[in-house]
Amino acid sequence: MTKFKIISFLLLLALSSVRLSAQEVDLFKEKDDVKVKDITTATFKSSRIVNGQSIENVGVGVLDLKILHRFGPISQGGYDLFGLDQASMRIGLDYGVTKRLMIGIGRSTYLKQYDGFLKYKIIQQQTGVKNIPFSVSYAATIIYKSLKDDPTAEYIPYSSDRYSYAHQILIASKLNDYFSLQFTPTLIHYNMVSNAAIPNDFKSLGVGFRQRISKRVNFTTEYFYRIDKLDGYYDPLTVGLDIETGGHVFQLHVTNSTGMTERTFINETLGSWGKGELRFGFNLTRAFTLKKKKSLITNKW
């Protein structure tokens, strides 16, 4: 081999090594720059702020037993033990079908109502690959009022007349570890109203927030402004505390609403904060895992 061929071979080998090294450096640089999707969690501590739906869903395969309890008006005084002699409640079951879909059913003693709902996550707040500062979910609820009508009334409603529906868009953001905010545009539809002058559709805008006080205690507030109003009713306002105790969340609150379905607590709240017509209540949740996650580690032996 001539001297020229040897020199050419060494130069070619050197250039190949430099190119290979550059590729390796670029390759490692790309790995370092890879971003991971970080989904925001615990915007609220329960799937309900108090009465209304929160942006949260229960986990996949988790069955959440919810008991919502309201006492009578505090203004009734000592004779009725400030409302403790009276009570209405809703008992329900919520289930996480997928990471985005949650369903639930419930029964309320107030007006003997049955309800069923679904809630689906459309957008999830996250950082990393995408920087999305808020979450969006859609919630749809169907409500059936089974309370018997006066048999002497001129008109006895059909079964379909007893249904009402709620459609909600939940827009929420966990601004930091201590504060979360949610807006809830809502449309409620009645299949039947009392007279032709009353519309069948009612719009409202809800707002709720969570303020962290300590690791296990949060202050919550929920309010719905009724854009379309039924006469004789008031806007619902609820304030409370969420207390985490192991496997469940205990919510204590004061509210002017009696009902615990979207129809009753948004549109048909009879109490007034200005008149002191308030009720003490609590929500109790207990989660049961019915479907465990598959392990990421498998035994191949």
Protein backbone atom coordinates (compact mmCIF):
# COMPACT_ATOMS: atom_id res chain seq x y z
CA MET A 1 0.00 0.00 0.00
CA THR A 2 1.44 3.38 -1.01
CA LYS A 3 2.02 6.18 1.47
CA PHE A 4 -0.79 8.21 -0.18
CA LYS A 5 -3.32 5.40 0.27
CA ILE A 6 -2.31 4.93 3.92
CA ILE A 7 -2.75 8.66 4.68
CA SER A 8 -6.13 8.71 2.88
CA PHE A 9 -7.31 5.67 4.84
CA LEU A 10 -6.31 7.25 8.20
CA LEU A 11 -8.05 10.56 7.31
CA LEU A 12 -11.23 8.71 6.34
CA LEU A 13 -11.14 6.74 9.61
CA ALA A 14 -10.64 9.93 11.63
CA LEU A 15 -13.56 11.71 9.91
CA SER A 16 -15.81 8.71 10.49
CA SER A 17 -14.94 8.72 14.21
CA VAL A 18 -15.69 12.45 14.51
CA ARG A 19 -19.03 12.02 12.73
CA LEU A 20 -19.91 9.04 14.93
CA SER A 21 -19.04 10.99 18.07
CA ALA A 22 -21.17 13.93 16.93
CA GLN A 23 -24.10 11.61 16.34
CA GLU A 24 -23.70 10.12 19.80
CA VAL A 25 -23.59 13.57 21.40
CA ASP A 26 -26.72 14.66 19.52
CA LEU A 27 -28.44 11.43 20.44
CA PHE A 28 -27.80 11.91 24.17
CA LYS A 29 -28.78 15.56 23.91
CA GLU A 30 -32.14 14.59 22.43
CA LYS A 31 -32.73 12.14 25.28
CA ASP A 32 -32.00 14.83 27.83
CA ASP A 33 -34.48 17.16 26.15
CA VAL A 34 -37.38 14.67 26.16
CA LYS A 35 -40.31 16.04 28.19
CA VAL A 36 -42.63 13.90 30.28
CA LYS A 37 -46.38 14.52 30.46
CA ASP A 38 -47.27 15.50 34.03
CA ILE A 39 -51.04 15.36 34.63
CA THR A 40 -52.32 17.65 37.40
CA THR A 41 -54.11 15.79 40.19
CA ALA A 42 -56.12 16.69 43.32
CA THR A 43 -57.58 19.92 41.94
CA PHE A 44 -60.38 19.16 44.41
CA LYS A 45 -60.46 16.52 47.13
CA SER A 46 -63.72 14.90 46.04
CA SER A 47 -65.70 14.36 42.85
CA ARG A 48 -68.15 16.96 44.22
CA ILE A 49 -67.20 20.43 45.44
CA VAL A 50 -70.17 20.20 47.82
CA ASN A 51 -73.48 19.79 45.97
CA GLY A 52 -72.23 20.17 42.42
CA GLN A 53 -69.81 18.12 40.38
CA SER A 54 -66.11 18.94 40.61
CA ILE A 55 -63.54 18.38 37.87
CA GLU A 56 -62.35 15.24 39.68
CA ASN A 57 -63.26 11.66 38.73
CA VAL A 58 -62.91 8.58 40.90
CA GLY A 59 -60.13 6.21 39.86
CA VAL A 60 -60.52 3.41 37.34
CA GLY A 61 -62.23 0.43 38.95
CA VAL A 62 -63.08 2.40 42.11
CA LEU A 63 -66.62 2.38 43.52
CA ASP A 64 -67.30 5.50 45.60
CA LEU A 65 -70.16 5.38 48.10
CA LYS A 66 -71.49 8.90 48.78
CA ILE A 67 -73.90 9.92 51.51
CA LEU A 68 -75.07 13.55 51.34
CA HIS A 69 -76.99 14.72 54.39
CA ARG A 70 -78.92 17.95 55.10
CA PHE A 71 -80.58 18.93 58.36
CA GLY A 72 -83.52 21.30 58.79
CA PRO A 73 -83.27 25.11 58.98
CA ILE A 74 -81.02 26.37 61.77
CA SER A 75 -83.46 29.26 62.25
CA GLN A 76 -86.08 26.90 63.74
CA GLY A 77 -84.31 27.26 67.05
CA GLY A 78 -83.89 25.04 70.07
CA TYR A 79 -87.26 23.30 69.83
CA ASP A 80 -86.06 21.43 66.71
CA LEU A 81 -82.46 21.43 67.97
CA PHE A 82 -81.54 24.00 65.32
CA GLY A 83 -82.64 21.73 62.49
CA LEU A 84 -81.15 18.46 63.75
CA ASP A 85 -84.64 16.98 64.29
CA GLN A 86 -85.19 17.07 60.52
CA ALA A 87 -83.11 15.60 57.76
CA SER A 88 -83.00 14.83 54.06
CA MET A 89 -80.32 12.80 52.34
CA ARG A 90 -79.01 11.41 49.07
CA ILE A 91 -77.18 8.12 48.84
CA GLY A 92 -75.26 7.37 45.67
CA LEU A 93 -72.69 5.17 43.99
CA ASP A 94 -70.04 6.55 41.61
CA TYR A 95 -67.78 4.34 39.49
CA GLY A 96 -64.65 5.03 37.45
CA VAL A 97 -65.06 3.26 34.09
CA THR A 98 -61.91 4.62 32.46
CA LYS A 99 -59.36 7.33 33.20
CA ARG A 100 -61.70 9.83 31.57
CA LEU A 101 -65.21 8.42 32.13
CA MET A 102 -67.12 8.23 35.40
CA ILE A 103 -70.78 7.23 35.96
CA GLY A 104 -73.07 7.38 38.98
CA ILE A 105 -76.57 6.85 40.34
CA GLY A 106 -78.37 8.17 43.40
CA ARG A 107 -81.62 8.39 45.37
CA SER A 108 -82.74 11.46 47.32
CA THR A 109 -85.38 11.54 50.03
CA TYR A 110 -86.23 15.14 49.06
CA LEU A 111 -89.07 14.88 46.48
CA LYS A 112 -88.17 11.17 46.24
CA GLN A 113 -85.82 11.76 43.32
CA TYR A 114 -83.68 9.29 41.40
CA ASP A 115 -80.71 10.53 39.39
CA GLY A 116 -78.05 9.14 37.11
CA PHE A 117 -75.10 10.89 35.53
CA LEU A 118 -71.93 10.56 33.51
CA LYS A 119 -68.85 12.77 33.58
CA TYR A 120 -66.18 12.74 30.90
CA LYS A 121 -62.78 14.45 30.92
CA ILE A 122 -62.21 16.34 27.68
CA ILE A 123 -59.03 18.25 28.52
CA GLN A 124 -56.61 17.53 31.38
CA GLN A 125 -54.45 20.17 33.01
CA GLN A 126 -50.80 19.23 32.51
CA THR A 127 -47.22 20.34 32.04
CA GLY A 128 -44.36 18.81 30.07
CA VAL A 129 -45.10 17.68 26.52
CA LYS A 130 -48.06 20.07 26.49
CA ASN A 131 -48.56 22.99 28.84
CA ILE A 132 -52.33 23.15 29.46
CA PRO A 133 -53.24 25.39 32.44
CA PHE A 134 -56.80 24.11 32.95
CA SER A 135 -59.05 21.04 32.75
CA VAL A 136 -62.42 20.66 31.02
CA SER A 137 -65.07 18.00 31.62
CA TYR A 138 -68.65 17.45 30.50
CA ALA A 139 -71.31 16.23 32.93
CA ALA A 140 -74.83 15.12 32.00
CA THR A 141 -77.48 14.23 34.60
CA ILE A 142 -80.99 12.82 34.32
CA ILE A 143 -83.38 13.28 37.27
CA TYR A 144 -86.69 11.55 37.93
CA LYS A 145 -89.10 12.97 40.52
CA SER A 146 -91.14 10.06 41.87
CA LEU A 147 -93.14 11.99 44.48
CA LYS A 148 -96.84 11.17 44.04
CA ASP A 149 -99.12 13.93 42.80
CA ASP A 150 -102.39 14.98 44.37
CA PRO A 151 -104.98 12.52 43.02
CA THR A 152 -107.61 15.31 43.02
CA ALA A 153 -105.54 17.56 40.74
CA GLU A 154 -107.00 18.48 37.35
CA TYR A 155 -103.97 17.14 35.49
CA ILE A 156 -102.06 14.01 36.38
CA PRO A 157 -98.57 14.13 34.78
CA TYR A 158 -97.33 11.43 32.46
CA SER A 159 -94.26 9.52 33.57
CA SER A 160 -92.14 11.42 31.00
CA ASP A 161 -93.26 14.74 32.54
CA ARG A 162 -91.40 13.87 35.73
CA TYR A 163 -87.96 13.97 34.10
CA SER A 164 -85.51 16.85 34.08
CA TYR A 165 -81.97 17.08 32.72
CA ALA A 166 -78.78 18.98 33.47
CA HIS A 167 -75.90 19.63 31.09
CA GLN A 168 -72.71 21.13 32.51
CA ILE A 169 -69.26 22.12 31.31
CA LEU A 170 -66.70 22.00 34.14
CA ILE A 171 -63.72 24.34 33.64
CA ALA A 172 -61.16 24.17 36.45
CA SER A 173 -57.58 25.05 37.22
CA LYS A 174 -55.29 24.15 40.07
CA LEU A 175 -53.44 27.46 40.27
CA ASN A 176 -51.01 26.16 42.89
CA ASP A 177 -50.85 23.57 45.69
CA TYR A 178 -53.10 25.74 47.86
CA PHE A 179 -55.82 27.14 45.59
CA SER A 180 -58.11 25.69 42.90
CA LEU A 181 -60.90 27.42 40.97
CA GLN A 182 -63.78 26.06 38.87
CA PHE A 183 -66.48 27.58 36.65
CA THR A 184 -69.57 25.54 35.74
CA PRO A 185 -71.88 26.82 32.96
CA THR A 186 -75.12 24.87 33.36
CA LEU A 187 -78.31 24.24 31.39
CA ILE A 188 -81.28 22.61 33.14
CA HIS A 189 -84.25 21.35 31.15
CA TYR A 190 -87.69 20.48 32.55
CA ASN A 191 -89.93 18.20 30.50
CA MET A 192 -92.92 19.87 32.17
CA VAL A 193 -93.37 23.25 33.90
CA SER A 194 -96.37 24.53 35.83
CA ASN A 195 -97.65 26.94 33.14
CA ALA A 196 -96.95 28.14 29.60
CA ALA A 197 -95.36 31.39 30.79
CA ILE A 198 -92.44 29.50 32.36
CA PRO A 199 -89.64 28.33 30.01
CA ASN A 200 -88.47 24.75 29.98
CA ASP A 201 -84.76 25.66 29.90
CA PHE A 202 -82.83 27.48 32.62
CA LYS A 203 -79.24 28.71 32.38
CA SER A 204 -76.90 29.35 35.30
CA LEU A 205 -73.21 29.84 36.03
CA GLY A 206 -71.56 28.12 38.95
CA VAL A 207 -68.27 29.04 40.59
CA GLY A 208 -66.42 27.08 43.26
CA PHE A 209 -63.01 27.08 44.85
CA ARG A 210 -60.80 25.15 47.22
CA GLN A 211 -58.37 26.82 49.62
CA ARG A 212 -55.94 24.53 51.39
CA ILE A 213 -55.63 25.16 55.13
CA SER A 214 -53.46 22.20 56.10
CA LYS A 215 -52.36 18.87 54.65
CA ARG A 216 -55.75 17.26 55.33
CA VAL A 217 -58.14 20.23 55.66
CA ASN A 218 -59.48 22.43 52.84
CA PHE A 219 -61.95 25.31 52.82
CA THR A 220 -64.50 25.13 49.98
CA THR A 221 -67.15 27.46 48.59
CA GLU A 222 -69.74 26.88 45.87
CA TYR A 223 -72.20 29.38 44.35
CA PHE A 224 -74.57 29.28 41.36
CA TYR A 225 -75.84 32.47 39.74
CA ARG A 226 -79.18 31.78 38.04
CA ILE A 227 -79.35 33.63 34.74
CA ASP A 228 -82.93 32.40 34.23
CA LYS A 229 -84.87 32.44 37.48
CA LEU A 230 -87.90 30.67 38.86
CA ASP A 231 -89.93 33.03 41.08
CA GLY A 232 -89.77 32.38 44.81
CA TYR A 233 -86.34 30.73 44.79
CA TYR A 234 -82.82 31.93 45.64
CA ASP A 235 -79.31 31.43 44.32
CA PRO A 236 -77.59 28.59 46.22
CA LEU A 237 -74.48 29.38 48.26
CA THR A 238 -72.57 26.78 50.25
CA VAL A 239 -69.42 27.07 52.38
CA GLY A 240 -67.66 24.18 54.05
CA LEU A 241 -64.61 22.22 55.12
CA ASP A 242 -63.19 19.09 53.51
CA ILE A 243 -61.42 16.80 55.97
CA GLU A 244 -59.41 13.82 54.70
CA THR A 245 -59.40 10.90 57.12
CA GLY A 246 -57.69 7.85 55.68
CA GLY A 247 -59.89 6.14 53.11
CA HIS A 248 -62.60 8.78 52.95
CA VAL A 249 -63.30 12.51 52.74
CA PHE A 250 -65.64 14.13 55.27
CA GLN A 251 -67.26 17.38 54.11
CA LEU A 252 -68.92 19.71 56.62
CA HIS A 253 -70.87 22.69 55.29
CA VAL A 254 -73.57 25.30 55.73
CA THR A 255 -75.97 25.92 52.84
CA ASN A 256 -79.30 27.53 51.97
CA SER A 257 -80.35 24.61 49.73
CA THR A 258 -82.27 21.48 50.68
CA GLY A 259 -82.14 19.43 47.49
CA MET A 260 -79.04 17.58 46.33
CA THR A 261 -79.76 17.15 42.62
CA GLU A 262 -78.91 19.80 40.02
CA ARG A 263 -82.58 20.58 39.51
CA THR A 264 -83.30 21.24 43.17
CA PHE A 265 -80.17 22.85 44.56
CA ILE A 266 -79.53 25.13 41.55
CA ASN A 267 -83.06 26.06 40.48
CA GLU A 268 -85.27 25.33 43.48
CA THR A 269 -83.46 26.60 46.59
CA LEU A 270 -86.06 27.94 49.04
CA GLY A 271 -83.72 29.27 51.74
CA SER A 272 -82.15 32.73 51.83
CA TRP A 273 -78.80 33.64 53.38
CA GLY A 274 -80.11 37.17 53.94
CA LYS A 275 -82.99 35.81 56.05
CA GLY A 276 -80.80 33.33 57.90
CA GLU A 277 -82.57 30.33 56.35
CA LEU A 278 -79.55 28.06 56.47
CA ARG A 279 -78.97 24.36 56.97
CA PHE A 280 -76.07 22.44 58.37
CA GLY A 281 -75.01 19.35 56.44
CA PHE A 282 -72.26 16.89 55.68
CA ASN A 283 -71.07 14.65 52.85
CA LEU A 284 -69.36 11.35 53.54
CA THR A 285 -67.48 9.39 50.88
CA ARG A 286 -65.95 5.93 51.09
CA ALA A 287 -64.03 4.38 48.20
CA PHE A 288 -63.81 0.67 47.41
CA THR A 289 -61.34 -0.66 44.83
CA LEU A 290 -63.11 -3.29 42.73
CA LYS A 291 -60.57 -3.54 39.93
CA LYS A 292 -56.88 -3.41 40.77
CA LYS A 293 -54.32 -2.00 38.35
CA LYS A 294 -52.22 -4.52 36.47
CA SER A 295 -48.66 -4.75 37.71
CA LEU A 296 -46.03 -3.23 35.44
CA ILE A 297 -43.60 -6.03 36.38
CA THR A 298 -44.32 -9.51 35.08
CA ASN A 299 -42.60 -12.73 36.03
CA LYS A 300 -41.27 -14.34 32.86
CA TRP A 301 -39.82 -17.39 34.59
